[in-house]
């Protein structure tokens, strides 16, 4: 659930999503679920490569079609991410 929790902190922030079919979409993250499906609005993309996306204002992207998600470095709380990673690791170790 670490990635789900991480992406929930990015709601309302601009992200760049690269899909497995090489489509690159930039937009504002509106929602994310446990399967890492995401919803974006305020979409932007290269109009010469993907003219069909230019008419869309928002979209839903299945998590299994995503190759990468990138975001501005200042949107990432590294200390919080580090602490959450250690906490999850300790929970896994305690279950063994």
PDB file of N, CA and C in Angstrom:
ATOM      1  N   UNK A   1       0.821  -1.202   0.000  1.00  0.00           N
ATOM      2  CA  UNK A   1       0.000   0.000   0.000  1.00  0.00           C
ATOM      3  C   UNK A   1       0.862   1.263   0.000  1.00  0.00           C
ATOM      4  N   UNK A   2       2.178   1.084  -0.014  1.00  0.00           N
ATOM      5  CA  UNK A   2       3.074   2.236   0.029  1.00  0.00           C
ATOM      6  C   UNK A   2       2.872   3.142  -1.184  1.00  0.00           C
ATOM      7  N   UNK A   3       2.806   2.557  -2.380  1.00  0.00           N
ATOM      8  CA  UNK A   3       2.649   3.381  -3.577  1.00  0.00           C
ATOM      9  C   UNK A   3       1.286   4.055  -3.603  1.00  0.00           C
ATOM     10  N   UNK A   4       0.260   3.342  -3.169  1.00  0.00           N
ATOM     11  CA  UNK A   4      -1.076   3.935  -3.104  1.00  0.00           C
ATOM     12  C   UNK A   4      -1.061   5.151  -2.185  1.00  0.00           C
ATOM     13  N   UNK A   5      -0.474   5.000  -1.007  1.00  0.00           N
ATOM     14  CA  UNK A   5      -0.390   6.115  -0.059  1.00  0.00           C
ATOM     15  C   UNK A   5       0.422   7.266  -0.644  1.00  0.00           C
ATOM     16  N   UNK A   6       1.508   6.925  -1.323  1.00  0.00           N
ATOM     17  CA  UNK A   6       2.345   7.961  -1.930  1.00  0.00           C
ATOM     18  C   UNK A   6       1.569   8.742  -2.984  1.00  0.00           C
ATOM     19  N   UNK A   7       0.871   8.039  -3.874  1.00  0.00           N
ATOM     20  CA  UNK A   7       0.133   8.732  -4.924  1.00  0.00           C
ATOM     21  C   UNK A   7      -1.030   9.541  -4.371  1.00  0.00           C
ATOM     22  N   UNK A   8      -1.603   9.125  -3.257  1.00  0.00           N
ATOM     23  CA  UNK A   8      -2.672   9.921  -2.643  1.00  0.00           C
ATOM     24  C   UNK A   8      -2.156  11.284  -2.202  1.00  0.00           C
ATOM     25  N   UNK A   9      -0.866  11.367  -1.825  1.00  0.00           N
ATOM     26  CA  UNK A   9      -0.306  12.666  -1.431  1.00  0.00           C
ATOM     27  C   UNK A   9      -0.117  13.585  -2.632  1.00  0.00           C
ATOM     28  N   UNK A  10      -0.169  13.032  -3.841  1.00  0.00           N
ATOM     29  CA  UNK A  10       0.027  13.829  -5.054  1.00  0.00           C
ATOM     30  C   UNK A  10      -1.278  14.332  -5.661  1.00  0.00           C
ATOM     31  N   UNK A  11      -2.408  14.014  -5.047  1.00  0.00           N
ATOM     32  CA  UNK A  11      -3.696  14.466  -5.586  1.00  0.00           C
ATOM     33  C   UNK A  11      -3.714  15.993  -5.612  1.00  0.00           C
ATOM     34  N   UNK A  12      -4.113  16.523  -6.758  1.00  0.00           N
ATOM     35  CA  UNK A  12      -4.130  17.966  -6.955  1.00  0.00           C
ATOM     36  C   UNK A  12      -2.849  18.509  -7.558  1.00  0.00           C
ATOM     37  N   UNK A  13      -1.854  17.660  -7.732  1.00  0.00           N
ATOM     38  CA  UNK A  13      -0.566  18.080  -8.288  1.00  0.00           C
ATOM     39  C   UNK A  13      -0.464  17.622  -9.748  1.00  0.00           C
ATOM     40  N   UNK A  14       0.399  18.293 -10.505  1.00  0.00           N
ATOM     41  CA  UNK A  14       0.597  17.920 -11.904  1.00  0.00           C
ATOM     42  C   UNK A  14       1.576  16.756 -12.003  1.00  0.00           C
ATOM     43  N   UNK A  15       1.211  15.753 -12.806  1.00  0.00           N
ATOM     44  CA  UNK A  15       2.060  14.586 -13.032  1.00  0.00           C
ATOM     45  C   UNK A  15       2.155  14.321 -14.535  1.00  0.00           C
ATOM     46  N   UNK A  16       3.194  13.607 -14.909  1.00  0.00           N
ATOM     47  CA  UNK A  16       3.378  13.177 -16.297  1.00  0.00           C
ATOM     48  C   UNK A  16       3.296  11.659 -16.298  1.00  0.00           C
ATOM     49  N   UNK A  17       2.398  11.114 -17.110  1.00  0.00           N
ATOM     50  CA  UNK A  17       2.184   9.673 -17.175  1.00  0.00           C
ATOM     51  C   UNK A  17       2.621   9.180 -18.548  1.00  0.00           C
ATOM     52  N   UNK A  18       3.541   8.224 -18.551  1.00  0.00           N
ATOM     53  CA  UNK A  18       3.943   7.574 -19.801  1.00  0.00           C
ATOM     54  C   UNK A  18       3.316   6.194 -19.810  1.00  0.00           C
ATOM     55  N   UNK A  19       2.557   5.917 -20.859  1.00  0.00           N
ATOM     56  CA  UNK A  19       1.880   4.634 -20.975  1.00  0.00           C
ATOM     57  C   UNK A  19       2.769   3.625 -21.697  1.00  0.00           C
ATOM     58  N   UNK A  20       2.404   2.364 -21.596  1.00  0.00           N
ATOM     59  CA  UNK A  20       3.187   1.304 -22.235  1.00  0.00           C
ATOM     60  C   UNK A  20       3.171   1.393 -23.754  1.00  0.00           C
ATOM     61  N   UNK A  21       2.182   2.095 -24.318  1.00  0.00           N
ATOM     62  CA  UNK A  21       2.131   2.273 -25.772  1.00  0.00           C
ATOM     63  C   UNK A  21       2.808   3.576 -26.204  1.00  0.00           C
ATOM     64  N   UNK A  22       3.660   4.137 -25.323  1.00  0.00           N
ATOM     65  CA  UNK A  22       4.478   5.324 -25.586  1.00  0.00           C
ATOM     66  C   UNK A  22       3.705   6.637 -25.633  1.00  0.00           C
ATOM     67  N   UNK A  23       2.449   6.654 -25.241  1.00  0.00           N
ATOM     68  CA  UNK A  23       1.699   7.898 -25.125  1.00  0.00           C
ATOM     69  C   UNK A  23       2.135   8.590 -23.838  1.00  0.00           C
ATOM     70  N   UNK A  24       2.386   9.890 -23.920  1.00  0.00           N
ATOM     71  CA  UNK A  24       2.781  10.670 -22.750  1.00  0.00           C
ATOM     72  C   UNK A  24       1.711  11.726 -22.506  1.00  0.00           C
ATOM     73  N   UNK A  25       1.115  11.697 -21.313  1.00  0.00           N
ATOM     74  CA  UNK A  25       0.035  12.604 -20.952  1.00  0.00           C
ATOM     75  C   UNK A  25       0.435  13.360 -19.693  1.00  0.00           C
ATOM     76  N   UNK A  26       0.267  14.667 -19.721  1.00  0.00           N
ATOM     77  CA  UNK A  26       0.489  15.504 -18.546  1.00  0.00           C
ATOM     78  C   UNK A  26      -0.870  15.986 -18.064  1.00  0.00           C
ATOM     79  N   UNK A  27      -1.084  15.951 -16.757  1.00  0.00           N
ATOM     80  CA  UNK A  27      -2.348  16.415 -16.221  1.00  0.00           C
ATOM     81  C   UNK A  27      -2.315  16.512 -14.713  1.00  0.00           C
ATOM     82  N   UNK A  28      -3.408  16.994 -14.152  1.00  0.00           N
ATOM     83  CA  UNK A  28      -3.542  17.113 -12.706  1.00  0.00           C
ATOM     84  C   UNK A  28      -4.148  15.829 -12.168  1.00  0.00           C
ATOM     85  N   UNK A  29      -3.496  15.225 -11.186  1.00  0.00           N
ATOM     86  CA  UNK A  29      -3.981  13.982 -10.585  1.00  0.00           C
ATOM     87  C   UNK A  29      -5.215  14.284  -9.749  1.00  0.00           C
ATOM     88  N   UNK A  30      -6.320  13.644 -10.082  1.00  0.00           N
ATOM     89  CA  UNK A  30      -7.583  13.860  -9.386  1.00  0.00           C
ATOM     90  C   UNK A  30      -7.884  12.729  -8.419  1.00  0.00           C
ATOM     91  N   UNK A  31      -7.592  11.487  -8.819  1.00  0.00           N
ATOM     92  CA  UNK A  31      -7.914  10.341  -7.967  1.00  0.00           C
ATOM     93  C   UNK A  31      -6.977   9.189  -8.286  1.00  0.00           C
ATOM     94  N   UNK A  32      -6.798   8.325  -7.296  1.00  0.00           N
ATOM     95  CA  UNK A  32      -6.020   7.100  -7.448  1.00  0.00           C
ATOM     96  C   UNK A  32      -6.682   6.042  -6.581  1.00  0.00           C
ATOM     97  N   UNK A  33      -6.659   4.779  -7.026  1.00  0.00           N
ATOM     98  CA  UNK A  33      -7.224   3.708  -6.203  1.00  0.00           C
ATOM     99  C   UNK A  33      -6.158   2.665  -5.888  1.00  0.00           C
ATOM    100  N   UNK A  34      -6.558   1.598  -5.191  1.00  0.00           N
ATOM    101  CA  UNK A  34      -5.612   0.585  -4.730  1.00  0.00           C
ATOM    102  C   UNK A  34      -4.937  -0.162  -5.871  1.00  0.00           C
ATOM    103  N   UNK A  35      -5.549  -0.208  -7.027  1.00  0.00           N
ATOM    104  CA  UNK A  35      -4.950  -0.865  -8.195  1.00  0.00           C
ATOM    105  C   UNK A  35      -4.061   0.102  -8.975  1.00  0.00           C
ATOM    106  N   UNK A  36      -3.856   1.289  -8.422  1.00  0.00           N
ATOM    107  CA  UNK A  36      -3.075   2.366  -9.028  1.00  0.00           C
ATOM    108  C   UNK A  36      -3.655   2.835 -10.356  1.00  0.00           C
ATOM    109  N   UNK A  37      -4.985   2.678 -10.509  1.00  0.00           N
ATOM    110  CA  UNK A  37      -5.688   3.340 -11.593  1.00  0.00           C
ATOM    111  C   UNK A  37      -5.714   4.818 -11.233  1.00  0.00           C
ATOM    112  N   UNK A  38      -5.551   5.678 -12.217  1.00  0.00           N
ATOM    113  CA  UNK A  38      -5.528   7.100 -11.910  1.00  0.00           C
ATOM    114  C   UNK A  38      -6.492   7.868 -12.798  1.00  0.00           C
ATOM    115  N   UNK A  39      -6.951   9.001 -12.278  1.00  0.00           N
ATOM    116  CA  UNK A  39      -7.805   9.901 -13.039  1.00  0.00           C
ATOM    117  C   UNK A  39      -7.094  11.240 -13.119  1.00  0.00           C
ATOM    118  N   UNK A  40      -7.008  11.780 -14.330  1.00  0.00           N
ATOM    119  CA  UNK A  40      -6.353  13.061 -14.581  1.00  0.00           C
ATOM    120  C   UNK A  40      -7.335  14.031 -15.214  1.00  0.00           C
ATOM    121  N   UNK A  41      -7.133  15.328 -14.960  1.00  0.00           N
ATOM    122  CA  UNK A  41      -7.836  16.342 -15.739  1.00  0.00           C
ATOM    123  C   UNK A  41      -6.838  17.409 -16.144  1.00  0.00           C
ATOM    124  N   UNK A  42      -7.278  18.422 -16.874  1.00  0.00           N
ATOM    125  CA  UNK A  42      -6.395  19.452 -17.440  1.00  0.00           C
ATOM    126  C   UNK A  42      -5.279  18.802 -18.264  1.00  0.00           C
ATOM    127  N   UNK A  43      -5.680  17.927 -19.173  1.00  0.00           N
ATOM    128  CA  UNK A  43      -4.716  17.141 -19.947  1.00  0.00           C
ATOM    129  C   UNK A  43      -3.939  17.987 -20.945  1.00  0.00           C
ATOM    130  N   UNK A  44      -2.671  17.616 -21.109  1.00  0.00           N
ATOM    131  CA  UNK A  44      -1.807  18.207 -22.129  1.00  0.00           C
ATOM    132  C   UNK A  44      -0.985  17.077 -22.737  1.00  0.00           C
ATOM    133  N   UNK A  45      -0.754  17.178 -24.034  1.00  0.00           N
ATOM    134  CA  UNK A  45       0.119  16.212 -24.697  1.00  0.00           C
ATOM    135  C   UNK A  45       0.584  16.811 -26.013  1.00  0.00           C
ATOM    136  N   UNK A  46       1.476  16.133 -26.678  1.00  0.00           N
ATOM    137  CA  UNK A  46       1.999  16.596 -27.960  1.00  0.00           C
ATOM    138  C   UNK A  46       0.914  16.422 -29.026  1.00  0.00           C
ATOM    139  N   UNK A  47       0.392  17.529 -29.519  1.00  0.00           N
ATOM    140  CA  UNK A  47      -0.717  17.491 -30.472  1.00  0.00           C
ATOM    141  C   UNK A  47      -0.326  16.853 -31.795  1.00  0.00           C
ATOM    142  N   UNK A  48       0.939  16.940 -32.166  1.00  0.00           N
ATOM    143  CA  UNK A  48       1.350  16.349 -33.444  1.00  0.00           C
ATOM    144  C   UNK A  48       1.403  14.829 -33.359  1.00  0.00           C
ATOM    145  N   UNK A  49       1.735  14.306 -32.184  1.00  0.00           N
ATOM    146  CA  UNK A  49       1.821  12.853 -32.024  1.00  0.00           C
ATOM    147  C   UNK A  49       0.490  12.223 -31.627  1.00  0.00           C
ATOM    148  N   UNK A  50      -0.290  12.921 -30.801  1.00  0.00           N
ATOM    149  CA  UNK A  50      -1.526  12.352 -30.255  1.00  0.00           C
ATOM    150  C   UNK A  50      -2.685  13.339 -30.405  1.00  0.00           C
ATOM    151  N   UNK A  51      -3.129  13.614 -31.631  1.00  0.00           N
ATOM    152  CA  UNK A  51      -4.200  14.607 -31.816  1.00  0.00           C
ATOM    153  C   UNK A  51      -5.528  14.188 -31.185  1.00  0.00           C
ATOM    154  N   UNK A  52      -5.768  12.887 -31.054  1.00  0.00           N
ATOM    155  CA  UNK A  52      -7.027  12.418 -30.480  1.00  0.00           C
ATOM    156  C   UNK A  52      -7.145  12.777 -29.001  1.00  0.00           C
ATOM    157  N   UNK A  53      -6.033  12.962 -28.323  1.00  0.00           N
ATOM    158  CA  UNK A  53      -6.064  13.287 -26.895  1.00  0.00           C
ATOM    159  C   UNK A  53      -6.332  14.772 -26.682  1.00  0.00           C
ATOM    160  N   UNK A  54      -6.068  15.613 -27.668  1.00  0.00           N
ATOM    161  CA  UNK A  54      -6.251  17.054 -27.534  1.00  0.00           C
ATOM    162  C   UNK A  54      -7.691  17.432 -27.214  1.00  0.00           C
ATOM    163  N   UNK A  55      -8.654  16.632 -27.631  1.00  0.00           N
ATOM    164  CA  UNK A  55     -10.057  16.965 -27.395  1.00  0.00           C
ATOM    165  C   UNK A  55     -10.538  16.531 -26.014  1.00  0.00           C
ATOM    166  N   UNK A  56      -9.741  15.758 -25.309  1.00  0.00           N
ATOM    167  CA  UNK A  56     -10.146  15.248 -23.996  1.00  0.00           C
ATOM    168  C   UNK A  56      -9.823  16.268 -22.911  1.00  0.00           C
ATOM    169  N   UNK A  57     -10.702  16.375 -21.915  1.00  0.00           N
ATOM    170  CA  UNK A  57     -10.436  17.257 -20.777  1.00  0.00           C
ATOM    171  C   UNK A  57     -10.007  16.470 -19.551  1.00  0.00           C
ATOM    172  N   UNK A  58     -10.495  15.237 -19.444  1.00  0.00           N
ATOM    173  CA  UNK A  58     -10.060  14.375 -18.344  1.00  0.00           C
ATOM    174  C   UNK A  58     -10.042  12.933 -18.824  1.00  0.00           C
ATOM    175  N   UNK A  59      -9.352  12.071 -18.072  1.00  0.00           N
ATOM    176  CA  UNK A  59      -9.261  10.675 -18.486  1.00  0.00           C
ATOM    177  C   UNK A  59      -9.034   9.779 -17.280  1.00  0.00           C
ATOM    178  N   UNK A  60      -9.355   8.516 -17.461  1.00  0.00           N
ATOM    179  CA  UNK A  60      -9.121   7.464 -16.481  1.00  0.00           C
ATOM    180  C   UNK A  60      -8.110   6.514 -17.101  1.00  0.00           C
ATOM    181  N   UNK A  61      -7.042   6.208 -16.367  1.00  0.00           N
ATOM    182  CA  UNK A  61      -5.987   5.345 -16.896  1.00  0.00           C
ATOM    183  C   UNK A  61      -5.847   4.128 -15.992  1.00  0.00           C
ATOM    184  N   UNK A  62      -5.984   2.947 -16.582  1.00  0.00           N
ATOM    185  CA  UNK A  62      -5.796   1.715 -15.811  1.00  0.00           C
ATOM    186  C   UNK A  62      -4.348   1.594 -15.370  1.00  0.00           C
ATOM    187  N   UNK A  63      -4.162   1.155 -14.145  1.00  0.00           N
ATOM    188  CA  UNK A  63      -2.827   1.046 -13.577  1.00  0.00           C
ATOM    189  C   UNK A  63      -1.907   0.121 -14.347  1.00  0.00           C
ATOM    190  N   UNK A  64      -2.464  -0.947 -14.947  1.00  0.00           N
ATOM    191  CA  UNK A  64      -1.592  -1.901 -15.644  1.00  0.00           C
ATOM    192  C   UNK A  64      -1.138  -1.408 -17.017  1.00  0.00           C
ATOM    193  N   UNK A  65      -1.603  -0.245 -17.457  1.00  0.00           N
ATOM    194  CA  UNK A  65      -1.146   0.316 -18.729  1.00  0.00           C
ATOM    195  C   UNK A  65      -0.076   1.386 -18.540  1.00  0.00           C
ATOM    196  N   UNK A  66       0.255   1.693 -17.285  1.00  0.00           N
ATOM    197  CA  UNK A  66       1.204   2.769 -16.985  1.00  0.00           C
ATOM    198  C   UNK A  66       2.627   2.223 -16.942  1.00  0.00           C
ATOM    199  N   UNK A  67       3.524   2.897 -17.650  1.00  0.00           N
ATOM    200  CA  UNK A  67       4.941   2.557 -17.592  1.00  0.00           C
ATOM    201  C   UNK A  67       5.628   3.388 -16.513  1.00  0.00           C
ATOM    202  N   UNK A  68       5.457   4.709 -16.554  1.00  0.00           N
ATOM    203  CA  UNK A  68       6.095   5.609 -15.594  1.00  0.00           C
ATOM    204  C   UNK A  68       5.126   6.704 -15.182  1.00  0.00           C
ATOM    205  N   UNK A  69       5.309   7.185 -13.978  1.00  0.00           N
ATOM    206  CA  UNK A  69       4.659   8.413 -13.529  1.00  0.00           C
ATOM    207  C   UNK A  69       5.768   9.293 -12.981  1.00  0.00           C
ATOM    208  N   UNK A  70       5.856  10.499 -13.480  1.00  0.00           N
ATOM    209  CA  UNK A  70       6.868  11.418 -12.960  1.00  0.00           C
ATOM    210  C   UNK A  70       6.179  12.687 -12.485  1.00  0.00           C
ATOM    211  N   UNK A  71       6.843  13.355 -11.554  1.00  0.00           N
ATOM    212  CA  UNK A  71       6.278  14.560 -10.973  1.00  0.00           C
ATOM    213  C   UNK A  71       7.411  15.494 -10.590  1.00  0.00           C
ATOM    214  N   UNK A  72       7.060  16.723 -10.275  1.00  0.00           N
ATOM    215  CA  UNK A  72       8.070  17.700  -9.873  1.00  0.00           C
ATOM    216  C   UNK A  72       8.714  17.260  -8.563  1.00  0.00           C
ATOM    217  N   UNK A  73       9.999  17.476  -8.455  1.00  0.00           N
ATOM    218  CA  UNK A  73      10.744  17.041  -7.273  1.00  0.00           C
ATOM    219  C   UNK A  73      10.244  17.710  -6.001  1.00  0.00           C
ATOM    220  N   UNK A  74       9.780  18.948  -6.114  1.00  0.00           N
ATOM    221  CA  UNK A  74       9.304  19.646  -4.915  1.00  0.00           C
ATOM    222  C   UNK A  74       7.958  19.113  -4.412  1.00  0.00           C
ATOM    223  N   UNK A  75       7.300  18.235  -5.170  1.00  0.00           N
ATOM    224  CA  UNK A  75       6.047  17.614  -4.724  1.00  0.00           C
ATOM    225  C   UNK A  75       6.280  16.364  -3.888  1.00  0.00           C
ATOM    226  N   UNK A  76       7.541  15.955  -3.746  1.00  0.00           N
ATOM    227  CA  UNK A  76       7.851  14.712  -3.050  1.00  0.00           C
ATOM    228  C   UNK A  76       8.433  15.029  -1.681  1.00  0.00           C
ATOM    229  N   UNK A  77       7.799  14.510  -0.643  1.00  0.00           N
ATOM    230  CA  UNK A  77       8.328  14.634   0.717  1.00  0.00           C
ATOM    231  C   UNK A  77       9.201  13.406   0.965  1.00  0.00           C
ATOM    232  N   UNK A  78      10.493  13.552   0.738  1.00  0.00           N
ATOM    233  CA  UNK A  78      11.419  12.422   0.795  1.00  0.00           C
ATOM    234  C   UNK A  78      11.456  11.812   2.193  1.00  0.00           C
ATOM    235  N   UNK A  79      11.450  12.641   3.218  1.00  0.00           N
ATOM    236  CA  UNK A  79      11.508  12.128   4.586  1.00  0.00           C
ATOM    237  C   UNK A  79      10.267  11.300   4.910  1.00  0.00           C
ATOM    238  N   UNK A  80       9.102  11.770   4.513  1.00  0.00           N
ATOM    239  CA  UNK A  80       7.864  11.022   4.742  1.00  0.00           C
ATOM    240  C   UNK A  80       7.895   9.694   3.994  1.00  0.00           C
ATOM    241  N   UNK A  81       8.373   9.697   2.770  1.00  0.00           N
ATOM    242  CA  UNK A  81       8.474   8.472   1.977  1.00  0.00           C
ATOM    243  C   UNK A  81       9.452   7.497   2.616  1.00  0.00           C
ATOM    244  N   UNK A  82      10.568   8.000   3.093  1.00  0.00           N
ATOM    245  CA  UNK A  82      11.563   7.166   3.767  1.00  0.00           C
ATOM    246  C   UNK A  82      10.975   6.539   5.031  1.00  0.00           C
ATOM    247  N   UNK A  83      10.292   7.334   5.838  1.00  0.00           N
ATOM    248  CA  UNK A  83       9.686   6.827   7.074  1.00  0.00           C
ATOM    249  C   UNK A  83       8.616   5.774   6.783  1.00  0.00           C
ATOM    250  N   UNK A  84       7.800   6.013   5.760  1.00  0.00           N
ATOM    251  CA  UNK A  84       6.751   5.059   5.406  1.00  0.00           C
ATOM    252  C   UNK A  84       7.346   3.746   4.918  1.00  0.00           C
ATOM    253  N   UNK A  85       8.445   3.823   4.183  1.00  0.00           N
ATOM    254  CA  UNK A  85       9.118   2.614   3.702  1.00  0.00           C
ATOM    255  C   UNK A  85       9.645   1.790   4.863  1.00  0.00           C
ATOM    256  N   UNK A  86      10.284   2.451   5.824  1.00  0.00           N
ATOM    257  CA  UNK A  86      10.795   1.741   7.003  1.00  0.00           C
ATOM    258  C   UNK A  86       9.666   1.129   7.821  1.00  0.00           C
ATOM    259  N   UNK A  87       8.570   1.854   7.967  1.00  0.00           N
ATOM    260  CA  UNK A  87       7.424   1.349   8.717  1.00  0.00           C
ATOM    261  C   UNK A  87       6.858   0.102   8.053  1.00  0.00           C
ATOM    262  N   UNK A  88       6.702   0.130   6.737  1.00  0.00           N
ATOM    263  CA  UNK A  88       6.171  -1.033   6.026  1.00  0.00           C
ATOM    264  C   UNK A  88       7.134  -2.215   6.116  1.00  0.00           C
ATOM    265  N   UNK A  89       8.419  -1.961   6.033  1.00  0.00           N
ATOM    266  CA  UNK A  89       9.415  -3.018   6.165  1.00  0.00           C
ATOM    267  C   UNK A  89       9.342  -3.658   7.546  1.00  0.00           C
ATOM    268  N   UNK A  90       9.207  -2.855   8.576  1.00  0.00           N
ATOM    269  CA  UNK A  90       9.096  -3.384   9.939  1.00  0.00           C
ATOM    270  C   UNK A  90       7.824  -4.208  10.123  1.00  0.00           C
ATOM    271  N   UNK A  91       6.727  -3.789   9.491  1.00  0.00           N
ATOM    272  CA  UNK A  91       5.481  -4.557   9.569  1.00  0.00           C
ATOM    273  C   UNK A  91       5.643  -5.918   8.899  1.00  0.00           C
ATOM    274  N   UNK A  92       6.329  -5.958   7.774  1.00  0.00           N
ATOM    275  CA  UNK A  92       6.559  -7.223   7.066  1.00  0.00           C
ATOM    276  C   UNK A  92       7.433  -8.143   7.901  1.00  0.00           C
ATOM    277  N   UNK A  93       8.475  -7.590   8.502  1.00  0.00           N
ATOM    278  CA  UNK A  93       9.372  -8.400   9.329  1.00  0.00           C
ATOM    279  C   UNK A  93       8.660  -8.948  10.561  1.00  0.00           C
ATOM    280  N   UNK A  94       7.764  -8.173  11.142  1.00  0.00           N
ATOM    281  CA  UNK A  94       7.069  -8.629  12.348  1.00  0.00           C
ATOM    282  C   UNK A  94       6.072  -9.747  12.044  1.00  0.00           C
ATOM    283  N   UNK A  95       5.600  -9.845  10.805  1.00  0.00           N
ATOM    284  CA  UNK A  95       4.663 -10.902  10.417  1.00  0.00           C
ATOM    285  C   UNK A  95       5.367 -12.228  10.171  1.00  0.00           C
ATOM    286  N   UNK A  96       6.684 -12.191   9.987  1.00  0.00           N
ATOM    287  CA  UNK A  96       7.417 -13.425   9.676  1.00  0.00           C
ATOM    288  C   UNK A  96       7.719 -14.211  10.911  1.00  0.00           C
TER     289      UNK A  96
END
